[in-house]
Amino acid sequence: MGFPPSRFLWRGGASDLEGFQTQALRHYSPAPVFYSAYSAYSLPNLLRFLQFRDQLAEAVSNSSQ
């Protein structure tokens, strides 16, 4: 409630960026707890793992055709 109007999440979603930022800051409150499913890994490592997973899935998909 109170956010500027938008259409979908992409293609014209948040056209009033300053309005969204202002509203988000107005309703901001720090999280009392934080959960990380992969706390032993850094973000760059996780991104590399995901890239490898996607490349492997593509290679497997292409080899079965």
PDB file of N, CA and C in Angstrom:
ATOM      1  N   MET A   1       0.837  -1.178   0.000  1.00  0.00           N
ATOM      2  CA  MET A   1       0.000   0.000   0.000  1.00  0.00           C
ATOM      3  C   MET A   1       0.882   1.241   0.000  1.00  0.00           C
ATOM      4  N   GLY A   2       0.489   2.220  -0.767  1.00  0.00           N
ATOM      5  CA  GLY A   2       1.212   3.465  -0.812  1.00  0.00           C
ATOM      6  C   GLY A   2       2.302   3.526  -1.867  1.00  0.00           C
ATOM      7  N   PHE A   3       2.635   2.391  -2.483  1.00  0.00           N
ATOM      8  CA  PHE A   3       3.654   2.401  -3.519  1.00  0.00           C
ATOM      9  C   PHE A   3       3.071   2.969  -4.807  1.00  0.00           C
ATOM     10  N   PRO A   4       3.904   3.571  -5.656  1.00  0.00           N
ATOM     11  CA  PRO A   4       3.415   4.067  -6.940  1.00  0.00           C
ATOM     12  C   PRO A   4       2.873   2.903  -7.776  1.00  0.00           C
ATOM     13  N   PRO A   5       1.955   3.158  -8.679  1.00  0.00           N
ATOM     14  CA  PRO A   5       1.397   2.081  -9.503  1.00  0.00           C
ATOM     15  C   PRO A   5       2.470   1.458 -10.394  1.00  0.00           C
ATOM     16  N   SER A   6       2.301   0.173 -10.695  1.00  0.00           N
ATOM     17  CA  SER A   6       3.227  -0.524 -11.574  1.00  0.00           C
ATOM     18  C   SER A   6       2.456  -1.540 -12.396  1.00  0.00           C
ATOM     19  N   ARG A   7       3.114  -2.019 -13.436  1.00  0.00           N
ATOM     20  CA  ARG A   7       2.538  -3.067 -14.279  1.00  0.00           C
ATOM     21  C   ARG A   7       3.522  -4.219 -14.334  1.00  0.00           C
ATOM     22  N   PHE A   8       3.142  -5.342 -13.787  1.00  0.00           N
ATOM     23  CA  PHE A   8       3.977  -6.540 -13.791  1.00  0.00           C
ATOM     24  C   PHE A   8       5.313  -6.288 -13.110  1.00  0.00           C
ATOM     25  N   LEU A   9       6.236  -7.230 -13.191  1.00  0.00           N
ATOM     26  CA  LEU A   9       7.560  -7.084 -12.580  1.00  0.00           C
ATOM     27  C   LEU A   9       8.604  -6.691 -13.611  1.00  0.00           C
ATOM     28  N   TRP A  10       8.279  -6.732 -14.861  1.00  0.00           N
ATOM     29  CA  TRP A  10       9.204  -6.372 -15.921  1.00  0.00           C
ATOM     30  C   TRP A  10       8.432  -5.586 -16.968  1.00  0.00           C
ATOM     31  N   ARG A  11       9.108  -4.998 -17.898  1.00  0.00           N
ATOM     32  CA  ARG A  11       8.508  -4.192 -18.970  1.00  0.00           C
ATOM     33  C   ARG A  11       7.503  -3.183 -18.426  1.00  0.00           C
ATOM     34  N   GLY A  12       7.997  -2.105 -17.861  1.00  0.00           N
ATOM     35  CA  GLY A  12       7.118  -1.062 -17.354  1.00  0.00           C
ATOM     36  C   GLY A  12       6.679  -1.276 -15.921  1.00  0.00           C
ATOM     37  N   GLY A  13       7.359  -2.151 -15.214  1.00  0.00           N
ATOM     38  CA  GLY A  13       6.967  -2.445 -13.835  1.00  0.00           C
ATOM     39  C   GLY A  13       7.100  -1.257 -12.917  1.00  0.00           C
ATOM     40  N   ALA A  14       8.310  -0.875 -12.601  1.00  0.00           N
ATOM     41  CA  ALA A  14       8.544   0.226 -11.670  1.00  0.00           C
ATOM     42  C   ALA A  14       9.044   1.430 -12.463  1.00  0.00           C
ATOM     43  N   SER A  15       8.135   2.199 -13.020  1.00  0.00           N
ATOM     44  CA  SER A  15       8.544   3.342 -13.834  1.00  0.00           C
ATOM     45  C   SER A  15       8.901   4.553 -12.977  1.00  0.00           C
ATOM     46  N   ASP A  16       8.382   4.638 -11.769  1.00  0.00           N
ATOM     47  CA  ASP A  16       8.679   5.755 -10.868  1.00  0.00           C
ATOM     48  C   ASP A  16       9.678   5.276  -9.811  1.00  0.00           C
ATOM     49  N   LEU A  17      10.950   5.208 -10.205  1.00  0.00           N
ATOM     50  CA  LEU A  17      11.971   4.646  -9.326  1.00  0.00           C
ATOM     51  C   LEU A  17      12.107   5.441  -8.033  1.00  0.00           C
ATOM     52  N   GLU A  18      12.115   6.762  -8.130  1.00  0.00           N
ATOM     53  CA  GLU A  18      12.254   7.570  -6.919  1.00  0.00           C
ATOM     54  C   GLU A  18      11.077   7.354  -5.970  1.00  0.00           C
ATOM     55  N   GLY A  19       9.882   7.221  -6.508  1.00  0.00           N
ATOM     56  CA  GLY A  19       8.708   6.954  -5.677  1.00  0.00           C
ATOM     57  C   GLY A  19       8.817   5.619  -4.957  1.00  0.00           C
ATOM     58  N   PHE A  20       9.284   4.597  -5.661  1.00  0.00           N
ATOM     59  CA  PHE A  20       9.453   3.283  -5.042  1.00  0.00           C
ATOM     60  C   PHE A  20      10.527   3.324  -3.960  1.00  0.00           C
ATOM     61  N   GLN A  21      11.643   4.007  -4.245  1.00  0.00           N
ATOM     62  CA  GLN A  21      12.717   4.100  -3.257  1.00  0.00           C
ATOM     63  C   GLN A  21      12.250   4.847  -2.009  1.00  0.00           C
ATOM     64  N   THR A  22      11.544   5.928  -2.212  1.00  0.00           N
ATOM     65  CA  THR A  22      11.043   6.707  -1.077  1.00  0.00           C
ATOM     66  C   THR A  22      10.102   5.872  -0.226  1.00  0.00           C
ATOM     67  N   GLN A  23       9.185   5.176  -0.872  1.00  0.00           N
ATOM     68  CA  GLN A  23       8.218   4.361  -0.140  1.00  0.00           C
ATOM     69  C   GLN A  23       8.908   3.196   0.573  1.00  0.00           C
ATOM     70  N   ALA A  24       9.888   2.584  -0.086  1.00  0.00           N
ATOM     71  CA  ALA A  24      10.616   1.475   0.540  1.00  0.00           C
ATOM     72  C   ALA A  24      11.380   1.956   1.775  1.00  0.00           C
ATOM     73  N   LEU A  25      12.027   3.120   1.669  1.00  0.00           N
ATOM     74  CA  LEU A  25      12.753   3.659   2.820  1.00  0.00           C
ATOM     75  C   LEU A  25      11.808   4.049   3.947  1.00  0.00           C
ATOM     76  N   ARG A  26      10.640   4.527   3.595  1.00  0.00           N
ATOM     77  CA  ARG A  26       9.661   4.921   4.607  1.00  0.00           C
ATOM     78  C   ARG A  26       9.193   3.707   5.422  1.00  0.00           C
ATOM     79  N   HIS A  27       9.137   2.533   4.783  1.00  0.00           N
ATOM     80  CA  HIS A  27       8.645   1.335   5.453  1.00  0.00           C
ATOM     81  C   HIS A  27       9.763   0.374   5.856  1.00  0.00           C
ATOM     82  N   TYR A  28      11.017   0.821   5.755  1.00  0.00           N
ATOM     83  CA  TYR A  28      12.155  -0.033   6.081  1.00  0.00           C
ATOM     84  C   TYR A  28      12.226  -0.297   7.580  1.00  0.00           C
ATOM     85  N   SER A  29      12.529  -1.539   7.898  1.00  0.00           N
ATOM     86  CA  SER A  29      12.863  -1.870   9.277  1.00  0.00           C
ATOM     87  C   SER A  29      13.898  -2.996   9.229  1.00  0.00           C
ATOM     88  N   PRO A  30      14.940  -2.912  10.036  1.00  0.00           N
ATOM     89  CA  PRO A  30      15.989  -3.939   9.984  1.00  0.00           C
ATOM     90  C   PRO A  30      15.458  -5.300  10.416  1.00  0.00           C
ATOM     91  N   ALA A  31      15.985  -6.316   9.791  1.00  0.00           N
ATOM     92  CA  ALA A  31      15.584  -7.684  10.132  1.00  0.00           C
ATOM     93  C   ALA A  31      16.218  -8.083  11.460  1.00  0.00           C
ATOM     94  N   PRO A  32      15.437  -8.667  12.364  1.00  0.00           N
ATOM     95  CA  PRO A  32      15.999  -9.074  13.658  1.00  0.00           C
ATOM     96  C   PRO A  32      16.883 -10.315  13.559  1.00  0.00           C
ATOM     97  N   VAL A  33      16.708 -11.096  12.502  1.00  0.00           N
ATOM     98  CA  VAL A  33      17.521 -12.293  12.290  1.00  0.00           C
ATOM     99  C   VAL A  33      17.886 -12.378  10.813  1.00  0.00           C
ATOM    100  N   PHE A  34      18.905 -13.150  10.514  1.00  0.00           N
ATOM    101  CA  PHE A  34      19.322 -13.348   9.133  1.00  0.00           C
ATOM    102  C   PHE A  34      19.616 -14.823   8.941  1.00  0.00           C
ATOM    103  N   TYR A  35      19.079 -15.411   7.885  1.00  0.00           N
ATOM    104  CA  TYR A  35      19.298 -16.822   7.578  1.00  0.00           C
ATOM    105  C   TYR A  35      20.040 -16.937   6.262  1.00  0.00           C
ATOM    106  N   SER A  36      21.054 -17.750   6.228  1.00  0.00           N
ATOM    107  CA  SER A  36      21.788 -18.022   5.005  1.00  0.00           C
ATOM    108  C   SER A  36      21.871 -19.526   4.818  1.00  0.00           C
ATOM    109  N   ALA A  37      21.290 -20.007   3.741  1.00  0.00           N
ATOM    110  CA  ALA A  37      21.291 -21.448   3.477  1.00  0.00           C
ATOM    111  C   ALA A  37      22.701 -21.959   3.173  1.00  0.00           C
ATOM    112  N   TYR A  38      23.558 -21.096   2.631  1.00  0.00           N
ATOM    113  CA  TYR A  38      24.909 -21.506   2.251  1.00  0.00           C
ATOM    114  C   TYR A  38      25.936 -20.599   2.921  1.00  0.00           C
ATOM    115  N   SER A  39      25.951 -20.557   4.217  1.00  0.00           N
ATOM    116  CA  SER A  39      26.819 -19.629   4.946  1.00  0.00           C
ATOM    117  C   SER A  39      28.308 -19.941   4.792  1.00  0.00           C
ATOM    118  N   ALA A  40      28.663 -21.139   4.357  1.00  0.00           N
ATOM    119  CA  ALA A  40      30.073 -21.497   4.203  1.00  0.00           C
ATOM    120  C   ALA A  40      30.661 -21.012   2.879  1.00  0.00           C
ATOM    121  N   TYR A  41      29.824 -20.488   1.976  1.00  0.00           N
ATOM    122  CA  TYR A  41      30.282 -20.093   0.648  1.00  0.00           C
ATOM    123  C   TYR A  41      30.061 -18.600   0.429  1.00  0.00           C
ATOM    124  N   SER A  42      30.988 -17.976  -0.301  1.00  0.00           N
ATOM    125  CA  SER A  42      30.842 -16.556  -0.638  1.00  0.00           C
ATOM    126  C   SER A  42      29.905 -16.414  -1.840  1.00  0.00           C
ATOM    127  N   LEU A  43      29.397 -15.229  -2.052  1.00  0.00           N
ATOM    128  CA  LEU A  43      28.501 -14.983  -3.181  1.00  0.00           C
ATOM    129  C   LEU A  43      29.179 -15.262  -4.523  1.00  0.00           C
ATOM    130  N   PRO A  44      30.438 -14.822  -4.736  1.00  0.00           N
ATOM    131  CA  PRO A  44      31.079 -15.166  -6.018  1.00  0.00           C
ATOM    132  C   PRO A  44      31.160 -16.678  -6.254  1.00  0.00           C
ATOM    133  N   ASN A  45      31.445 -17.447  -5.197  1.00  0.00           N
ATOM    134  CA  ASN A  45      31.481 -18.900  -5.354  1.00  0.00           C
ATOM    135  C   ASN A  45      30.106 -19.449  -5.711  1.00  0.00           C
ATOM    136  N   LEU A  46      29.078 -18.978  -5.036  1.00  0.00           N
ATOM    137  CA  LEU A  46      27.724 -19.444  -5.343  1.00  0.00           C
ATOM    138  C   LEU A  46      27.347 -19.121  -6.783  1.00  0.00           C
ATOM    139  N   LEU A  47      27.713 -17.944  -7.249  1.00  0.00           N
ATOM    140  CA  LEU A  47      27.409 -17.578  -8.636  1.00  0.00           C
ATOM    141  C   LEU A  47      28.157 -18.471  -9.617  1.00  0.00           C
ATOM    142  N   ARG A  48      29.410 -18.807  -9.299  1.00  0.00           N
ATOM    143  CA  ARG A  48      30.157 -19.738 -10.161  1.00  0.00           C
ATOM    144  C   ARG A  48      29.531 -21.121 -10.161  1.00  0.00           C
ATOM    145  N   PHE A  49      29.078 -21.589  -9.005  1.00  0.00           N
ATOM    146  CA  PHE A  49      28.406 -22.891  -8.930  1.00  0.00           C
ATOM    147  C   PHE A  49      27.149 -22.899  -9.794  1.00  0.00           C
ATOM    148  N   LEU A  50      26.382 -21.816  -9.720  1.00  0.00           N
ATOM    149  CA  LEU A  50      25.157 -21.737 -10.516  1.00  0.00           C
ATOM    150  C   LEU A  50      25.464 -21.689 -12.010  1.00  0.00           C
ATOM    151  N   GLN A  51      26.505 -20.961 -12.374  1.00  0.00           N
ATOM    152  CA  GLN A  51      26.897 -20.897 -13.781  1.00  0.00           C
ATOM    153  C   GLN A  51      27.330 -22.287 -14.267  1.00  0.00           C
ATOM    154  N   PHE A  52      28.105 -22.977 -13.460  1.00  0.00           N
ATOM    155  CA  PHE A  52      28.528 -24.333 -13.815  1.00  0.00           C
ATOM    156  C   PHE A  52      27.329 -25.255 -13.961  1.00  0.00           C
ATOM    157  N   ARG A  53      26.377 -25.169 -13.019  1.00  0.00           N
ATOM    158  CA  ARG A  53      25.167 -25.994 -13.096  1.00  0.00           C
ATOM    159  C   ARG A  53      24.421 -25.748 -14.393  1.00  0.00           C
ATOM    160  N   ASP A  54      24.271 -24.475 -14.774  1.00  0.00           N
ATOM    161  CA  ASP A  54      23.544 -24.141 -15.996  1.00  0.00           C
ATOM    162  C   ASP A  54      24.279 -24.639 -17.234  1.00  0.00           C
ATOM    163  N   GLN A  55      25.606 -24.504 -17.241  1.00  0.00           N
ATOM    164  CA  GLN A  55      26.392 -24.982 -18.382  1.00  0.00           C
ATOM    165  C   GLN A  55      26.319 -26.499 -18.494  1.00  0.00           C
ATOM    166  N   LEU A  56      26.364 -27.177 -17.353  1.00  0.00           N
ATOM    167  CA  LEU A  56      26.278 -28.630 -17.359  1.00  0.00           C
ATOM    168  C   LEU A  56      24.913 -29.084 -17.861  1.00  0.00           C
ATOM    169  N   ALA A  57      23.867 -28.440 -17.394  1.00  0.00           N
ATOM    170  CA  ALA A  57      22.502 -28.801 -17.831  1.00  0.00           C
ATOM    171  C   ALA A  57      22.349 -28.574 -19.321  1.00  0.00           C
ATOM    172  N   GLU A  58      22.919 -27.484 -19.837  1.00  0.00           N
ATOM    173  CA  GLU A  58      22.835 -27.209 -21.276  1.00  0.00           C
ATOM    174  C   GLU A  58      23.589 -28.260 -22.073  1.00  0.00           C
ATOM    175  N   ALA A  59      24.795 -28.642 -21.594  1.00  0.00           N
ATOM    176  CA  ALA A  59      25.587 -29.651 -22.288  1.00  0.00           C
ATOM    177  C   ALA A  59      24.880 -30.981 -22.303  1.00  0.00           C
ATOM    178  N   VAL A  60      24.267 -31.376 -21.204  1.00  0.00           N
ATOM    179  CA  VAL A  60      23.534 -32.630 -21.126  1.00  0.00           C
ATOM    180  C   VAL A  60      22.325 -32.579 -22.058  1.00  0.00           C
ATOM    181  N   SER A  61      21.639 -31.459 -22.066  1.00  0.00           N
ATOM    182  CA  SER A  61      20.459 -31.300 -22.918  1.00  0.00           C
ATOM    183  C   SER A  61      20.839 -31.374 -24.389  1.00  0.00           C
ATOM    184  N   ASN A  62      21.941 -30.733 -24.759  1.00  0.00           N
ATOM    185  CA  ASN A  62      22.379 -30.743 -26.162  1.00  0.00           C
ATOM    186  C   ASN A  62      22.885 -32.107 -26.594  1.00  0.00           C
ATOM    187  N   SER A  63      23.490 -32.861 -25.684  1.00  0.00           N
ATOM    188  CA  SER A  63      24.020 -34.172 -26.052  1.00  0.00           C
ATOM    189  C   SER A  63      22.921 -35.217 -26.212  1.00  0.00           C
ATOM    190  N   SER A  64      21.760 -34.976 -25.623  1.00  0.00           N
ATOM    191  CA  SER A  64      20.673 -35.955 -25.727  1.00  0.00           C
ATOM    192  C   SER A  64      19.802 -35.706 -26.953  1.00  0.00           C
ATOM    193  N   GLN A  65      20.097 -34.664 -27.703  1.00  0.00           N
ATOM    194  CA  GLN A  65      19.272 -34.357 -28.889  1.00  0.00           C
ATOM    195  C   GLN A  65      19.810 -34.994 -30.129  1.00  0.00           C
TER     196      GLN A  65
END
